[in-house]
N, C-alpha and C. Protein backbone atom coordinates (compact mmCIF):
# COMPACT_ATOMS: atom_id res chain seq x y z
N MET A 1 6.00 -7.40 -15.78
CA MET A 1 4.80 -6.75 -15.27
C MET A 1 4.09 -6.06 -16.44
N THR A 2 2.83 -6.32 -16.63
CA THR A 2 2.09 -5.75 -17.75
C THR A 2 1.76 -4.30 -17.48
N ALA A 3 1.43 -3.57 -18.57
CA ALA A 3 1.09 -2.15 -18.42
C ALA A 3 -0.15 -1.98 -17.57
N ARG A 4 -1.15 -2.87 -17.77
CA ARG A 4 -2.39 -2.76 -17.00
C ARG A 4 -2.12 -3.02 -15.52
N TYR A 5 -1.30 -4.03 -15.25
CA TYR A 5 -1.02 -4.35 -13.85
C TYR A 5 -0.21 -3.23 -13.21
N ARG A 6 0.76 -2.67 -13.98
CA ARG A 6 1.57 -1.59 -13.45
C ARG A 6 0.70 -0.39 -13.13
N LEU A 7 -0.32 -0.13 -13.97
CA LEU A 7 -1.22 0.99 -13.74
C LEU A 7 -1.96 0.81 -12.42
N ALA A 8 -2.38 -0.42 -12.13
CA ALA A 8 -3.10 -0.66 -10.88
C ALA A 8 -2.21 -0.40 -9.68
N ILE A 9 -0.93 -0.76 -9.80
CA ILE A 9 0.01 -0.51 -8.71
C ILE A 9 0.19 0.98 -8.49
N MET A 10 0.32 1.71 -9.61
CA MET A 10 0.63 3.13 -9.50
C MET A 10 -0.52 3.97 -8.99
N THR A 11 -1.76 3.44 -9.07
CA THR A 11 -2.91 4.23 -8.65
C THR A 11 -3.28 3.99 -7.19
N ALA A 12 -2.36 3.45 -6.42
CA ALA A 12 -2.63 3.25 -4.99
C ALA A 12 -2.95 4.58 -4.32
N ALA A 13 -3.85 4.55 -3.36
CA ALA A 13 -4.27 5.79 -2.71
C ALA A 13 -3.12 6.42 -1.93
N ILE A 14 -2.92 7.72 -2.10
CA ILE A 14 -1.88 8.43 -1.39
C ILE A 14 -2.18 8.44 0.11
N ALA A 15 -3.47 8.42 0.43
CA ALA A 15 -3.86 8.46 1.83
C ALA A 15 -3.98 7.07 2.41
N ALA A 16 -3.08 6.16 2.04
CA ALA A 16 -3.10 4.81 2.57
C ALA A 16 -2.80 4.85 4.06
N LEU A 17 -3.02 3.74 4.73
CA LEU A 17 -2.79 3.67 6.16
C LEU A 17 -1.35 4.01 6.50
N ALA A 18 -1.13 4.75 7.56
CA ALA A 18 0.23 5.13 7.94
C ALA A 18 1.01 3.91 8.34
N GLY A 19 2.30 3.86 7.96
CA GLY A 19 3.12 2.69 8.24
C GLY A 19 3.60 2.64 9.66
N CYS A 20 3.61 3.75 10.38
CA CYS A 20 4.08 3.72 11.75
C CYS A 20 3.53 4.93 12.49
N LYS A 21 3.43 4.80 13.80
CA LYS A 21 2.73 5.80 14.60
C LYS A 21 3.67 6.77 15.30
N SER A 22 4.98 6.59 15.16
CA SER A 22 5.90 7.43 15.89
C SER A 22 5.97 8.82 15.26
N SER A 23 6.56 9.77 16.01
CA SER A 23 6.65 11.13 15.51
C SER A 23 7.53 11.18 14.28
N GLY A 24 7.20 12.08 13.37
CA GLY A 24 7.95 12.20 12.13
C GLY A 24 9.16 13.09 12.30
N ASP A 25 9.93 13.27 11.22
CA ASP A 25 11.13 14.08 11.30
C ASP A 25 10.87 15.52 10.90
N ILE A 26 9.63 15.84 10.52
CA ILE A 26 9.28 17.22 10.19
C ILE A 26 7.93 17.55 10.79
N VAL A 27 7.86 18.65 11.48
CA VAL A 27 6.57 19.21 11.89
C VAL A 27 6.56 20.64 11.41
N ILE A 28 5.67 20.95 10.47
CA ILE A 28 5.59 22.30 9.92
C ILE A 28 4.74 23.15 10.84
N ASP A 29 5.25 24.30 11.18
CA ASP A 29 4.60 25.15 12.17
C ASP A 29 3.23 25.62 11.71
N GLN A 30 2.28 25.61 12.61
CA GLN A 30 0.92 26.02 12.27
C GLN A 30 0.80 27.50 11.96
N SER A 31 1.81 28.30 12.33
CA SER A 31 1.71 29.74 12.12
C SER A 31 1.67 30.10 10.64
N VAL A 32 2.13 29.19 9.76
CA VAL A 32 2.05 29.46 8.33
C VAL A 32 0.86 28.73 7.71
N GLY A 33 -0.02 28.22 8.57
CA GLY A 33 -1.23 27.60 8.06
C GLY A 33 -1.07 26.18 7.57
N ILE A 34 0.05 25.53 7.91
CA ILE A 34 0.31 24.17 7.44
C ILE A 34 0.72 23.31 8.63
N THR A 35 0.22 22.11 8.68
CA THR A 35 0.70 21.14 9.66
C THR A 35 1.01 19.86 8.91
N ALA A 36 2.22 19.37 9.01
CA ALA A 36 2.60 18.14 8.31
C ALA A 36 3.51 17.31 9.21
N LEU A 37 3.39 16.01 9.11
CA LEU A 37 4.18 15.10 9.93
C LEU A 37 4.76 14.03 9.04
N ARG A 38 6.07 13.84 9.06
CA ARG A 38 6.72 12.84 8.23
C ARG A 38 7.30 11.74 9.10
N THR A 39 7.46 10.58 8.50
CA THR A 39 8.11 9.45 9.13
C THR A 39 8.85 8.67 8.07
N VAL A 40 9.93 7.99 8.48
CA VAL A 40 10.66 7.17 7.52
C VAL A 40 9.93 5.86 7.26
N CYS A 41 8.93 5.55 8.06
CA CYS A 41 8.14 4.34 7.84
C CYS A 41 7.25 4.51 6.60
N PRO A 42 7.14 3.49 5.77
CA PRO A 42 6.30 3.62 4.57
C PRO A 42 4.82 3.55 4.90
N ALA A 43 4.02 4.21 4.07
CA ALA A 43 2.58 4.02 4.15
C ALA A 43 2.27 2.60 3.66
N VAL A 44 1.19 2.02 4.16
CA VAL A 44 0.81 0.66 3.78
C VAL A 44 -0.62 0.68 3.26
N GLY A 45 -0.86 0.01 2.14
CA GLY A 45 -2.21 -0.02 1.58
C GLY A 45 -2.37 -1.05 0.49
N ILE A 46 -3.56 -1.08 -0.11
CA ILE A 46 -3.91 -2.01 -1.18
C ILE A 46 -4.18 -1.19 -2.45
N PRO A 47 -3.49 -1.45 -3.54
CA PRO A 47 -3.74 -0.70 -4.78
C PRO A 47 -5.15 -0.96 -5.32
N ASP A 48 -5.64 -0.01 -6.08
CA ASP A 48 -6.96 -0.14 -6.69
C ASP A 48 -7.07 -1.42 -7.50
N TYR A 49 -8.22 -2.08 -7.38
CA TYR A 49 -8.61 -3.26 -8.17
C TYR A 49 -7.84 -4.54 -7.81
N THR A 50 -6.98 -4.50 -6.79
CA THR A 50 -6.21 -5.70 -6.44
C THR A 50 -6.63 -6.31 -5.10
N GLY A 51 -7.67 -5.78 -4.49
CA GLY A 51 -8.09 -6.28 -3.19
C GLY A 51 -9.10 -7.41 -3.24
N ASP A 52 -9.52 -7.83 -4.45
CA ASP A 52 -10.48 -8.92 -4.62
C ASP A 52 -9.95 -9.91 -5.65
N MET A 53 -10.25 -11.18 -5.43
CA MET A 53 -9.94 -12.20 -6.42
C MET A 53 -11.15 -13.12 -6.57
N THR A 54 -11.63 -13.26 -7.81
CA THR A 54 -12.78 -14.11 -8.11
C THR A 54 -12.34 -15.27 -8.98
N LEU A 55 -12.61 -16.48 -8.51
CA LEU A 55 -12.29 -17.69 -9.26
C LEU A 55 -13.58 -18.26 -9.84
N PHE A 56 -13.53 -18.67 -11.11
CA PHE A 56 -14.71 -19.18 -11.80
C PHE A 56 -14.56 -20.67 -12.09
N ARG A 57 -15.70 -21.34 -12.22
CA ARG A 57 -15.69 -22.78 -12.53
C ARG A 57 -15.48 -23.04 -14.02
N SER A 58 -15.67 -22.00 -14.84
CA SER A 58 -15.54 -22.15 -16.29
C SER A 58 -15.02 -20.85 -16.88
N ASP A 59 -14.97 -20.76 -18.19
CA ASP A 59 -14.51 -19.54 -18.84
C ASP A 59 -15.54 -18.41 -18.77
N ALA A 60 -16.75 -18.74 -18.41
CA ALA A 60 -17.81 -17.72 -18.30
C ALA A 60 -17.50 -16.78 -17.13
N ARG A 61 -17.85 -15.52 -17.30
CA ARG A 61 -17.64 -14.53 -16.24
C ARG A 61 -18.99 -14.02 -15.75
N THR A 62 -19.87 -14.95 -15.42
CA THR A 62 -21.20 -14.62 -14.93
C THR A 62 -21.33 -15.06 -13.48
N ALA A 63 -22.35 -14.50 -12.80
CA ALA A 63 -22.51 -14.77 -11.37
C ALA A 63 -22.72 -16.25 -11.08
N ASP A 64 -23.43 -16.96 -11.98
CA ASP A 64 -23.69 -18.38 -11.72
C ASP A 64 -22.47 -19.26 -11.97
N ALA A 65 -21.37 -18.67 -12.51
CA ALA A 65 -20.15 -19.44 -12.75
C ALA A 65 -19.09 -19.20 -11.68
N ILE A 66 -19.41 -18.36 -10.69
CA ILE A 66 -18.42 -18.05 -9.65
C ILE A 66 -18.19 -19.27 -8.76
N ASP A 67 -16.92 -19.55 -8.51
CA ASP A 67 -16.54 -20.66 -7.65
C ASP A 67 -16.18 -20.15 -6.25
N VAL A 68 -15.17 -19.31 -6.16
CA VAL A 68 -14.70 -18.77 -4.88
C VAL A 68 -14.38 -17.30 -5.05
N VAL A 69 -14.69 -16.51 -4.04
CA VAL A 69 -14.33 -15.09 -4.01
C VAL A 69 -13.50 -14.82 -2.76
N GLY A 70 -12.36 -14.18 -2.95
CA GLY A 70 -11.51 -13.78 -1.83
C GLY A 70 -11.40 -12.28 -1.74
N VAL A 71 -11.44 -11.74 -0.53
CA VAL A 71 -11.34 -10.31 -0.31
C VAL A 71 -10.22 -10.05 0.70
N MET A 72 -9.29 -9.18 0.34
CA MET A 72 -8.20 -8.80 1.24
C MET A 72 -8.68 -7.67 2.13
N THR A 73 -8.52 -7.82 3.44
CA THR A 73 -9.05 -6.83 4.38
C THR A 73 -8.22 -6.83 5.66
N ASN A 74 -8.58 -5.94 6.57
CA ASN A 74 -7.93 -5.84 7.88
C ASN A 74 -6.41 -5.72 7.77
N VAL A 75 -5.94 -4.82 6.92
CA VAL A 75 -4.50 -4.61 6.78
C VAL A 75 -3.96 -3.90 8.02
N ARG A 76 -2.97 -4.53 8.66
CA ARG A 76 -2.35 -3.95 9.85
C ARG A 76 -0.87 -3.72 9.57
N ALA A 77 -0.36 -2.55 9.96
CA ALA A 77 1.02 -2.19 9.69
C ALA A 77 1.83 -2.10 10.97
N GLN A 78 3.07 -2.55 10.88
CA GLN A 78 4.04 -2.39 11.96
C GLN A 78 5.35 -1.92 11.35
N CYS A 79 6.11 -1.15 12.09
CA CYS A 79 7.35 -0.60 11.54
C CYS A 79 8.40 -0.50 12.63
N ASP A 80 9.59 -1.00 12.31
CA ASP A 80 10.75 -0.87 13.19
C ASP A 80 11.71 0.11 12.52
N ASP A 81 11.75 1.34 13.03
CA ASP A 81 12.61 2.36 12.43
C ASP A 81 13.80 2.68 13.31
N SER A 82 14.24 1.70 14.10
CA SER A 82 15.32 1.93 15.06
C SER A 82 16.71 1.85 14.44
N GLY A 83 16.83 1.29 13.24
CA GLY A 83 18.14 1.12 12.63
C GLY A 83 18.28 1.85 11.31
N GLU A 84 19.41 1.64 10.66
CA GLU A 84 19.65 2.26 9.36
C GLU A 84 18.79 1.64 8.28
N LYS A 85 18.37 0.40 8.50
CA LYS A 85 17.41 -0.24 7.61
C LYS A 85 16.06 -0.29 8.32
N VAL A 86 15.10 0.41 7.78
CA VAL A 86 13.75 0.45 8.35
C VAL A 86 13.01 -0.80 7.88
N TYR A 87 12.42 -1.54 8.82
CA TYR A 87 11.70 -2.77 8.46
C TYR A 87 10.21 -2.57 8.72
N SER A 88 9.43 -2.72 7.65
CA SER A 88 7.98 -2.55 7.75
C SER A 88 7.28 -3.86 7.39
N THR A 89 6.22 -4.17 8.12
CA THR A 89 5.44 -5.37 7.83
C THR A 89 3.97 -4.99 7.68
N ALA A 90 3.30 -5.74 6.83
CA ALA A 90 1.86 -5.58 6.63
C ALA A 90 1.22 -6.95 6.80
N THR A 91 0.33 -7.07 7.76
CA THR A 91 -0.42 -8.30 7.99
C THR A 91 -1.85 -8.07 7.55
N PHE A 92 -2.44 -9.06 6.90
CA PHE A 92 -3.79 -8.88 6.35
C PHE A 92 -4.55 -10.20 6.40
N ASP A 93 -5.87 -10.10 6.31
CA ASP A 93 -6.74 -11.27 6.26
C ASP A 93 -7.29 -11.42 4.85
N VAL A 94 -7.51 -12.68 4.46
CA VAL A 94 -8.23 -12.98 3.23
C VAL A 94 -9.52 -13.67 3.63
N MET A 95 -10.62 -12.99 3.43
CA MET A 95 -11.94 -13.54 3.74
C MET A 95 -12.50 -14.15 2.45
N ALA A 96 -12.77 -15.44 2.48
CA ALA A 96 -13.18 -16.15 1.27
C ALA A 96 -14.58 -16.75 1.42
N ARG A 97 -15.28 -16.80 0.30
CA ARG A 97 -16.62 -17.41 0.27
C ARG A 97 -16.71 -18.31 -0.97
N ARG A 98 -17.24 -19.52 -0.79
CA ARG A 98 -17.39 -20.43 -1.92
C ARG A 98 -18.87 -20.72 -2.16
N THR A 99 -19.18 -21.09 -3.40
CA THR A 99 -20.58 -21.34 -3.74
C THR A 99 -20.99 -22.79 -3.51
N ASP A 100 -20.04 -23.71 -3.64
CA ASP A 100 -20.32 -25.13 -3.42
C ASP A 100 -19.69 -25.53 -2.09
N THR A 101 -20.50 -25.83 -1.11
CA THR A 101 -20.00 -26.10 0.24
C THR A 101 -19.77 -27.59 0.52
N ARG A 102 -19.87 -28.42 -0.48
CA ARG A 102 -19.69 -29.85 -0.27
C ARG A 102 -18.21 -30.19 -0.12
N GLY A 103 -17.89 -30.94 0.95
CA GLY A 103 -16.53 -31.41 1.18
C GLY A 103 -15.60 -30.34 1.71
N SER A 104 -14.50 -30.80 2.30
CA SER A 104 -13.47 -29.86 2.76
C SER A 104 -12.60 -29.46 1.57
N ARG A 105 -12.03 -28.28 1.63
CA ARG A 105 -11.27 -27.78 0.50
C ARG A 105 -10.33 -26.67 0.94
N THR A 106 -9.13 -26.65 0.36
CA THR A 106 -8.17 -25.57 0.61
C THR A 106 -7.93 -24.82 -0.69
N VAL A 107 -8.03 -23.50 -0.62
CA VAL A 107 -7.81 -22.64 -1.80
C VAL A 107 -6.59 -21.78 -1.54
N GLU A 108 -5.69 -21.73 -2.52
CA GLU A 108 -4.49 -20.90 -2.44
C GLU A 108 -4.71 -19.58 -3.17
N PHE A 109 -4.55 -18.47 -2.46
CA PHE A 109 -4.68 -17.15 -3.06
C PHE A 109 -3.29 -16.53 -3.21
N PRO A 110 -2.80 -16.32 -4.42
CA PRO A 110 -1.50 -15.67 -4.59
C PRO A 110 -1.61 -14.16 -4.33
N TYR A 111 -0.59 -13.61 -3.70
CA TYR A 111 -0.59 -12.17 -3.44
C TYR A 111 0.81 -11.60 -3.70
N PHE A 112 0.89 -10.31 -3.90
CA PHE A 112 2.17 -9.64 -4.08
C PHE A 112 2.36 -8.62 -2.96
N SER A 113 3.61 -8.30 -2.71
CA SER A 113 3.95 -7.14 -1.89
C SER A 113 5.00 -6.37 -2.67
N THR A 114 4.85 -5.07 -2.72
CA THR A 114 5.77 -4.26 -3.50
C THR A 114 6.09 -2.97 -2.77
N VAL A 115 7.31 -2.50 -2.94
CA VAL A 115 7.74 -1.23 -2.39
C VAL A 115 7.78 -0.22 -3.52
N VAL A 116 7.04 0.87 -3.36
CA VAL A 116 6.95 1.91 -4.37
C VAL A 116 7.56 3.19 -3.82
N ARG A 117 8.42 3.80 -4.62
CA ARG A 117 9.06 5.06 -4.21
C ARG A 117 8.53 6.20 -5.07
N GLY A 118 8.21 7.29 -4.42
CA GLY A 118 7.76 8.47 -5.15
C GLY A 118 6.46 8.30 -5.88
N GLY A 119 5.66 7.31 -5.48
CA GLY A 119 4.35 7.11 -6.08
C GLY A 119 4.35 6.39 -7.40
N SER A 120 5.54 6.08 -7.97
CA SER A 120 5.54 5.45 -9.29
C SER A 120 6.65 4.44 -9.52
N ALA A 121 7.75 4.51 -8.81
CA ALA A 121 8.89 3.63 -9.07
C ALA A 121 8.82 2.39 -8.18
N VAL A 122 8.64 1.22 -8.80
CA VAL A 122 8.63 -0.04 -8.06
C VAL A 122 10.08 -0.46 -7.82
N VAL A 123 10.49 -0.50 -6.55
CA VAL A 123 11.88 -0.82 -6.23
C VAL A 123 12.05 -2.24 -5.72
N ALA A 124 10.97 -2.91 -5.35
CA ALA A 124 11.06 -4.30 -4.90
C ALA A 124 9.70 -4.95 -4.99
N LYS A 125 9.69 -6.24 -5.28
CA LYS A 125 8.42 -6.96 -5.33
C LYS A 125 8.64 -8.43 -4.94
N ARG A 126 7.69 -8.95 -4.19
CA ARG A 126 7.70 -10.37 -3.81
C ARG A 126 6.30 -10.94 -3.98
N VAL A 127 6.25 -12.26 -4.19
CA VAL A 127 4.97 -12.94 -4.37
C VAL A 127 4.87 -14.06 -3.35
N GLY A 128 3.70 -14.22 -2.73
CA GLY A 128 3.45 -15.29 -1.77
C GLY A 128 2.05 -15.84 -1.96
N THR A 129 1.65 -16.72 -1.08
CA THR A 129 0.30 -17.29 -1.13
C THR A 129 -0.32 -17.32 0.27
N VAL A 130 -1.62 -17.19 0.30
CA VAL A 130 -2.40 -17.34 1.53
C VAL A 130 -3.32 -18.54 1.34
N SER A 131 -3.26 -19.48 2.26
CA SER A 131 -4.12 -20.66 2.21
C SER A 131 -5.38 -20.44 3.03
N VAL A 132 -6.53 -20.74 2.43
CA VAL A 132 -7.80 -20.64 3.12
C VAL A 132 -8.46 -22.02 3.06
N THR A 133 -8.77 -22.59 4.21
CA THR A 133 -9.32 -23.95 4.27
C THR A 133 -10.78 -23.91 4.71
N PHE A 134 -11.63 -24.53 3.90
CA PHE A 134 -13.06 -24.67 4.20
C PHE A 134 -13.31 -26.06 4.76
N ALA A 135 -14.06 -26.12 5.84
CA ALA A 135 -14.51 -27.41 6.35
C ALA A 135 -15.73 -27.87 5.55
N ASP A 136 -16.05 -29.14 5.63
CA ASP A 136 -17.21 -29.66 4.92
C ASP A 136 -18.46 -28.90 5.34
N GLY A 137 -19.20 -28.38 4.36
CA GLY A 137 -20.41 -27.62 4.64
C GLY A 137 -20.19 -26.16 4.96
N GLN A 138 -18.96 -25.74 5.04
CA GLN A 138 -18.65 -24.35 5.41
C GLN A 138 -18.61 -23.47 4.17
N GLU A 139 -19.31 -22.35 4.24
CA GLU A 139 -19.35 -21.43 3.10
C GLU A 139 -18.25 -20.39 3.16
N ARG A 140 -17.90 -19.95 4.37
CA ARG A 140 -16.91 -18.89 4.53
C ARG A 140 -15.74 -19.35 5.37
N ALA A 141 -14.56 -18.82 5.05
CA ALA A 141 -13.35 -19.14 5.80
C ALA A 141 -12.37 -17.96 5.67
N VAL A 142 -11.38 -17.94 6.57
CA VAL A 142 -10.43 -16.82 6.62
C VAL A 142 -9.01 -17.35 6.68
N GLY A 143 -8.12 -16.70 5.95
CA GLY A 143 -6.69 -16.98 6.03
C GLY A 143 -5.95 -15.68 6.31
N THR A 144 -4.69 -15.78 6.73
CA THR A 144 -3.90 -14.61 7.07
C THR A 144 -2.57 -14.62 6.33
N GLY A 145 -2.15 -13.46 5.85
CA GLY A 145 -0.87 -13.33 5.17
C GLY A 145 -0.07 -12.19 5.76
N THR A 146 1.24 -12.23 5.52
CA THR A 146 2.15 -11.19 6.01
C THR A 146 3.16 -10.85 4.92
N ALA A 147 3.43 -9.57 4.77
CA ALA A 147 4.45 -9.10 3.84
C ALA A 147 5.39 -8.17 4.58
N GLY A 148 6.66 -8.18 4.20
CA GLY A 148 7.63 -7.31 4.85
C GLY A 148 8.60 -6.72 3.85
N ALA A 149 9.22 -5.60 4.23
CA ALA A 149 10.16 -4.94 3.33
C ALA A 149 11.14 -4.09 4.14
N TYR A 150 12.38 -4.02 3.64
CA TYR A 150 13.39 -3.14 4.20
C TYR A 150 13.51 -1.89 3.34
N ILE A 151 13.68 -0.75 3.99
CA ILE A 151 13.86 0.51 3.30
C ILE A 151 15.06 1.23 3.91
N ASP A 152 15.91 1.76 3.07
CA ASP A 152 17.09 2.49 3.54
C ASP A 152 16.66 3.79 4.20
N ARG A 153 17.05 3.94 5.46
CA ARG A 153 16.65 5.15 6.20
C ARG A 153 17.13 6.42 5.49
N ALA A 154 18.35 6.39 4.96
CA ALA A 154 18.89 7.58 4.31
C ALA A 154 18.04 7.99 3.11
N GLU A 155 17.52 7.01 2.37
CA GLU A 155 16.71 7.32 1.19
C GLU A 155 15.33 7.85 1.58
N ALA A 156 14.86 7.48 2.76
CA ALA A 156 13.54 7.93 3.23
C ALA A 156 13.62 9.19 4.08
N THR A 157 14.81 9.77 4.18
CA THR A 157 15.02 10.96 5.00
C THR A 157 15.26 12.17 4.10
N LEU A 158 14.62 13.27 4.39
CA LEU A 158 14.81 14.48 3.60
C LEU A 158 16.19 15.10 3.84
N PRO A 159 16.80 15.67 2.80
CA PRO A 159 18.08 16.37 2.97
C PRO A 159 17.95 17.52 3.96
N PRO A 160 19.02 17.84 4.68
CA PRO A 160 18.95 18.92 5.70
C PRO A 160 18.51 20.26 5.13
N ASP A 161 18.94 20.60 3.91
CA ASP A 161 18.56 21.90 3.36
C ASP A 161 17.07 21.98 3.07
N ILE A 162 16.46 20.84 2.69
CA ILE A 162 15.01 20.82 2.45
C ILE A 162 14.27 20.92 3.78
N VAL A 163 14.77 20.23 4.79
CA VAL A 163 14.16 20.31 6.12
C VAL A 163 14.19 21.75 6.62
N GLU A 164 15.32 22.43 6.42
CA GLU A 164 15.45 23.81 6.88
C GLU A 164 14.46 24.72 6.15
N ARG A 165 14.28 24.50 4.86
CA ARG A 165 13.37 25.35 4.09
C ARG A 165 11.93 25.16 4.53
N ILE A 166 11.59 23.93 4.89
CA ILE A 166 10.22 23.66 5.32
C ILE A 166 9.97 24.17 6.73
N ASN A 167 10.93 23.96 7.62
CA ASN A 167 10.71 24.28 9.02
C ASN A 167 11.04 25.72 9.40
N ARG A 168 11.69 26.46 8.51
CA ARG A 168 12.08 27.82 8.84
C ARG A 168 10.86 28.66 9.20
N ARG A 169 10.94 29.33 10.35
CA ARG A 169 9.83 30.16 10.80
C ARG A 169 9.73 31.42 9.94
N ARG A 170 8.54 31.68 9.45
CA ARG A 170 8.30 32.86 8.63
C ARG A 170 7.43 33.85 9.38
N ARG A 171 7.81 35.10 9.27
CA ARG A 171 7.07 36.16 9.96
C ARG A 171 6.46 37.11 8.94
N ALA A 172 5.39 37.77 9.35
CA ALA A 172 4.75 38.76 8.48
C ALA A 172 5.78 39.79 8.04
N GLY A 173 5.78 40.08 6.76
CA GLY A 173 6.73 41.03 6.21
C GLY A 173 7.89 40.36 5.52
N ASP A 174 8.17 39.07 5.83
CA ASP A 174 9.21 38.35 5.12
C ASP A 174 8.83 38.22 3.65
N GLU A 175 9.84 38.23 2.79
CA GLU A 175 9.59 38.17 1.35
C GLU A 175 8.80 36.93 0.96
N ASP A 176 9.08 35.81 1.63
CA ASP A 176 8.41 34.55 1.26
C ASP A 176 7.39 34.13 2.31
N ALA A 177 6.89 35.09 3.11
CA ALA A 177 5.97 34.76 4.20
C ALA A 177 4.70 34.09 3.70
N ALA A 178 4.24 34.48 2.52
CA ALA A 178 2.98 33.95 2.01
C ALA A 178 3.17 32.73 1.11
N ILE A 179 4.41 32.25 0.97
CA ILE A 179 4.69 31.12 0.08
C ILE A 179 4.65 29.82 0.87
N ASP A 180 3.84 28.90 0.43
CA ASP A 180 3.81 27.56 1.02
C ASP A 180 5.04 26.81 0.54
N PRO A 181 5.97 26.44 1.43
CA PRO A 181 7.19 25.77 0.98
C PRO A 181 6.92 24.44 0.29
N LEU A 182 5.79 23.82 0.59
CA LEU A 182 5.48 22.53 -0.04
C LEU A 182 5.10 22.68 -1.50
N THR A 183 4.89 23.91 -1.96
CA THR A 183 4.56 24.11 -3.37
C THR A 183 5.81 24.35 -4.22
N LEU A 184 6.96 24.52 -3.60
CA LEU A 184 8.19 24.76 -4.35
C LEU A 184 8.61 23.48 -5.06
N PRO A 185 8.97 23.55 -6.34
CA PRO A 185 9.31 22.35 -7.12
C PRO A 185 10.40 21.50 -6.49
N GLU A 186 11.46 22.14 -5.96
CA GLU A 186 12.56 21.38 -5.39
C GLU A 186 12.15 20.67 -4.10
N VAL A 187 11.26 21.30 -3.34
CA VAL A 187 10.76 20.67 -2.11
C VAL A 187 9.83 19.51 -2.44
N ARG A 188 8.95 19.71 -3.40
CA ARG A 188 8.03 18.65 -3.82
C ARG A 188 8.81 17.45 -4.36
N ALA A 189 9.86 17.71 -5.13
CA ALA A 189 10.67 16.63 -5.69
C ALA A 189 11.37 15.84 -4.58
N ALA A 190 11.90 16.55 -3.59
CA ALA A 190 12.59 15.88 -2.48
C ALA A 190 11.61 15.05 -1.65
N LEU A 191 10.42 15.59 -1.41
CA LEU A 191 9.41 14.84 -0.67
C LEU A 191 9.00 13.59 -1.42
N SER A 192 8.88 13.69 -2.74
CA SER A 192 8.51 12.53 -3.55
C SER A 192 9.58 11.46 -3.48
N ARG A 193 10.85 11.86 -3.60
CA ARG A 193 11.95 10.88 -3.56
C ARG A 193 12.02 10.17 -2.22
N ALA A 194 11.66 10.86 -1.15
CA ALA A 194 11.75 10.27 0.19
C ALA A 194 10.48 9.53 0.60
N ASN A 195 9.48 9.51 -0.27
CA ASN A 195 8.21 8.87 0.06
C ASN A 195 8.19 7.42 -0.41
N PHE A 196 7.95 6.50 0.51
CA PHE A 196 7.88 5.07 0.20
C PHE A 196 6.53 4.52 0.63
N GLU A 197 6.05 3.52 -0.11
CA GLU A 197 4.82 2.81 0.24
C GLU A 197 5.07 1.31 0.16
N LEU A 198 4.49 0.57 1.09
CA LEU A 198 4.47 -0.88 1.04
C LEU A 198 3.05 -1.29 0.67
N LEU A 199 2.89 -1.82 -0.54
CA LEU A 199 1.56 -2.14 -1.06
C LEU A 199 1.40 -3.65 -1.18
N VAL A 200 0.20 -4.13 -0.82
CA VAL A 200 -0.12 -5.56 -0.93
C VAL A 200 -1.42 -5.71 -1.71
N GLY A 201 -1.53 -6.79 -2.45
CA GLY A 201 -2.74 -7.06 -3.21
C GLY A 201 -2.68 -8.45 -3.79
N PHE A 202 -3.77 -8.91 -4.36
CA PHE A 202 -3.77 -10.23 -5.00
C PHE A 202 -2.97 -10.18 -6.30
N GLN A 203 -2.24 -11.25 -6.56
CA GLN A 203 -1.48 -11.38 -7.81
C GLN A 203 -2.46 -11.84 -8.89
N LEU A 204 -2.98 -10.90 -9.62
CA LEU A 204 -4.05 -11.17 -10.58
C LEU A 204 -3.52 -11.31 -12.00
N SER A 205 -4.22 -12.11 -12.79
CA SER A 205 -3.95 -12.15 -14.22
C SER A 205 -4.55 -10.91 -14.86
N GLU A 206 -4.22 -10.66 -16.12
CA GLU A 206 -4.80 -9.51 -16.81
C GLU A 206 -6.33 -9.62 -16.86
N ALA A 207 -6.82 -10.84 -17.09
CA ALA A 207 -8.27 -11.05 -17.17
C ALA A 207 -8.92 -10.77 -15.81
N GLN A 208 -8.29 -11.21 -14.72
CA GLN A 208 -8.84 -10.99 -13.39
C GLN A 208 -8.82 -9.49 -13.04
N LEU A 209 -7.74 -8.82 -13.40
CA LEU A 209 -7.66 -7.39 -13.14
C LEU A 209 -8.71 -6.62 -13.94
N ALA A 210 -8.90 -7.01 -15.18
CA ALA A 210 -9.92 -6.36 -16.01
C ALA A 210 -11.31 -6.60 -15.43
N TYR A 211 -11.56 -7.80 -14.92
CA TYR A 211 -12.85 -8.11 -14.32
C TYR A 211 -13.11 -7.21 -13.12
N ASN A 212 -12.09 -7.03 -12.27
CA ASN A 212 -12.25 -6.17 -11.10
C ASN A 212 -12.49 -4.72 -11.49
N ALA A 213 -11.83 -4.28 -12.55
CA ALA A 213 -11.91 -2.88 -12.94
C ALA A 213 -13.22 -2.52 -13.63
N THR A 214 -13.89 -3.51 -14.19
CA THR A 214 -15.08 -3.21 -15.00
C THR A 214 -16.38 -3.70 -14.41
N ARG A 215 -16.32 -4.47 -13.34
CA ARG A 215 -17.58 -5.00 -12.80
C ARG A 215 -18.38 -3.91 -12.09
C-alpha cells in the first residue's frame, strides 16, 4: 500500500454512516452535559478521494479524453452483533457514465474494503470488482457491490473500568463534577482502540488517486 493511498484511507470521515442501529453499550447521562451512544458495530463509509474512478481513452487527463466515469454511492450498512464475532456488511451502487454509447459494453470497476481500527490501523483488506453493463446506445448504467467483515466483539467493547468512569453519575460538589470523562487520556485511548470502521472505495492507482485529489 503506497503512502498516498494509505493517507486517503486514514482520512475517512469520523462521522461516517453508523454501522448498526441497535442501542449501544454506553449511554452517557445528560446531567453532565454529554450524550453518547456506542455500538460494537463498525461505522461504514467511503474514504476521501476514493469514491470516484475516471477511465481515460489515452494518457491525456483532459475532459475530451474521458472514457468512463464511475461513482460509488448509496452505501447501505447492515450489522449482525448477536455473536462473539460481529459481522458487518456494506452494500453500494456504482453509477457509471460513458462518453461513447456505441455498442454494448461491460466495464469492471475494482474496489477495496478495509477494516480500520482506531482511525489509523488497517487490520484487514479485501479487493473485489463491480461489473457495470451498458446496452447499445446507453450512456448510463448501474452495478452493485457488497463488502463484509468480521470484528471481534471483545476488541470492540470497552473495558469495564472505562465504562464505569464514563457512566458514573457526577453530582455538584464532586471533585471531578466539571471534568468531561471523554477528555481523559486513558478514556480517549480506550475509545480509540475499541473504534472500528468498515471502509469501501475504488481500488485506484496512484495516478487515479492524484487525479481525484487535485481536480
